[in-house]
Structure formats: C-alpha cells, structure tokens
Amino acid sequence: MTPYQALDPFDWLGLLTLIHSAFAGMEGRIDPPSSLHRLTPDVIANQSREGEIWVIGAPPFACVFLTPQPDTLYVGKLAVHPTLQGQGHARRLLDLAAIRAKALGFAGLELQARVELLENHVVFKRLGFAQIAATCHPGFDKPTSLTFRKTL
C-alpha cells in the first residue's frame, strides 16, 4: 500500500487511537511516561498543518509525523498497528520520510527513542540510523532518550 498525506478533513481521533494501540507496549516500560498522553485530535490536526503526517491504509494502520528542524527532518510518532508490525510498513514510512527530507532540502532524518526500548534501537540501526546523542528529560539525572540520525 502507498502512503498518503493526512490532511483536513481527516479522522484525527481514529489516528490518535491507532497511535495509542501501537505505543501500548511501552506503558510501564518507560520513565517518564510517553508524550503520547498529551496528544489530542486537535494537536494531531495542528501537526498536519505545521509539519506533515503520512499514513498507510484506509482507515490508517500506520503513520508517521514529520517536522522540519534546522538541519534535519524530525521523524515522530512512527506507529504501526500491533497486528501489522513486522511487515515493512515502518520501513516504507521511513523511506517516504527520506524522500520528503530531500524534497525539502534536508540532508538527514532525526528521531528519538527511549533508552528502555532496545528493540527499537536495533531496528533504527538496521535502517541506517546512528545514535548521535543521549538526553535526559527534565528532572532526570540519567539519559531517558537516545537521538538517532540518518544522513541521506
């Protein structure tokens, strides 16, 4: 299936439900809790206006948020419904992110993953990302997130 851009009008609540399903496995595994809990349909709609949201399926079963940063295109909320994970949908969305980054004049992609989610680190490295930093959320004295970058 081909990814397409999610634009108004769109089922933002349905997209939020997909993201919650895809991220459910990290509940109780990461500290602090995910920013997912601050997402609302309005926040997602705003992301579609200030950045880009790409989805696969109708209704969507996979998505990615793309946000321009000074030097890179930031990849956020990469989500695939749990029953469809491992079938190449995340790779397809990251390939699309690379195409969008080049079209927007960026030389790379950047994303973050929580330190506890080792399986995600393995996948991102396999897809050509390299860890470039470790950061702490406010109030923490040890790294809580890792930053990965892929040069295009």
Foldseek 3Di string as FASTA:
>chain_A
DAKDWDAPPDPLVVVLVLLCQQCVVCVVQAPPDDCSVVDDSVNVNVLCVQWIKIADDVVGQWIWGWHDDPAWIEIPSGGGRPVPPPVCPSVNVVVVRVVVGVVVPHFKYKYKDFPRPVVVVVVVVVSAWDWDDFDPDPPDDDGGMTMIMHGD
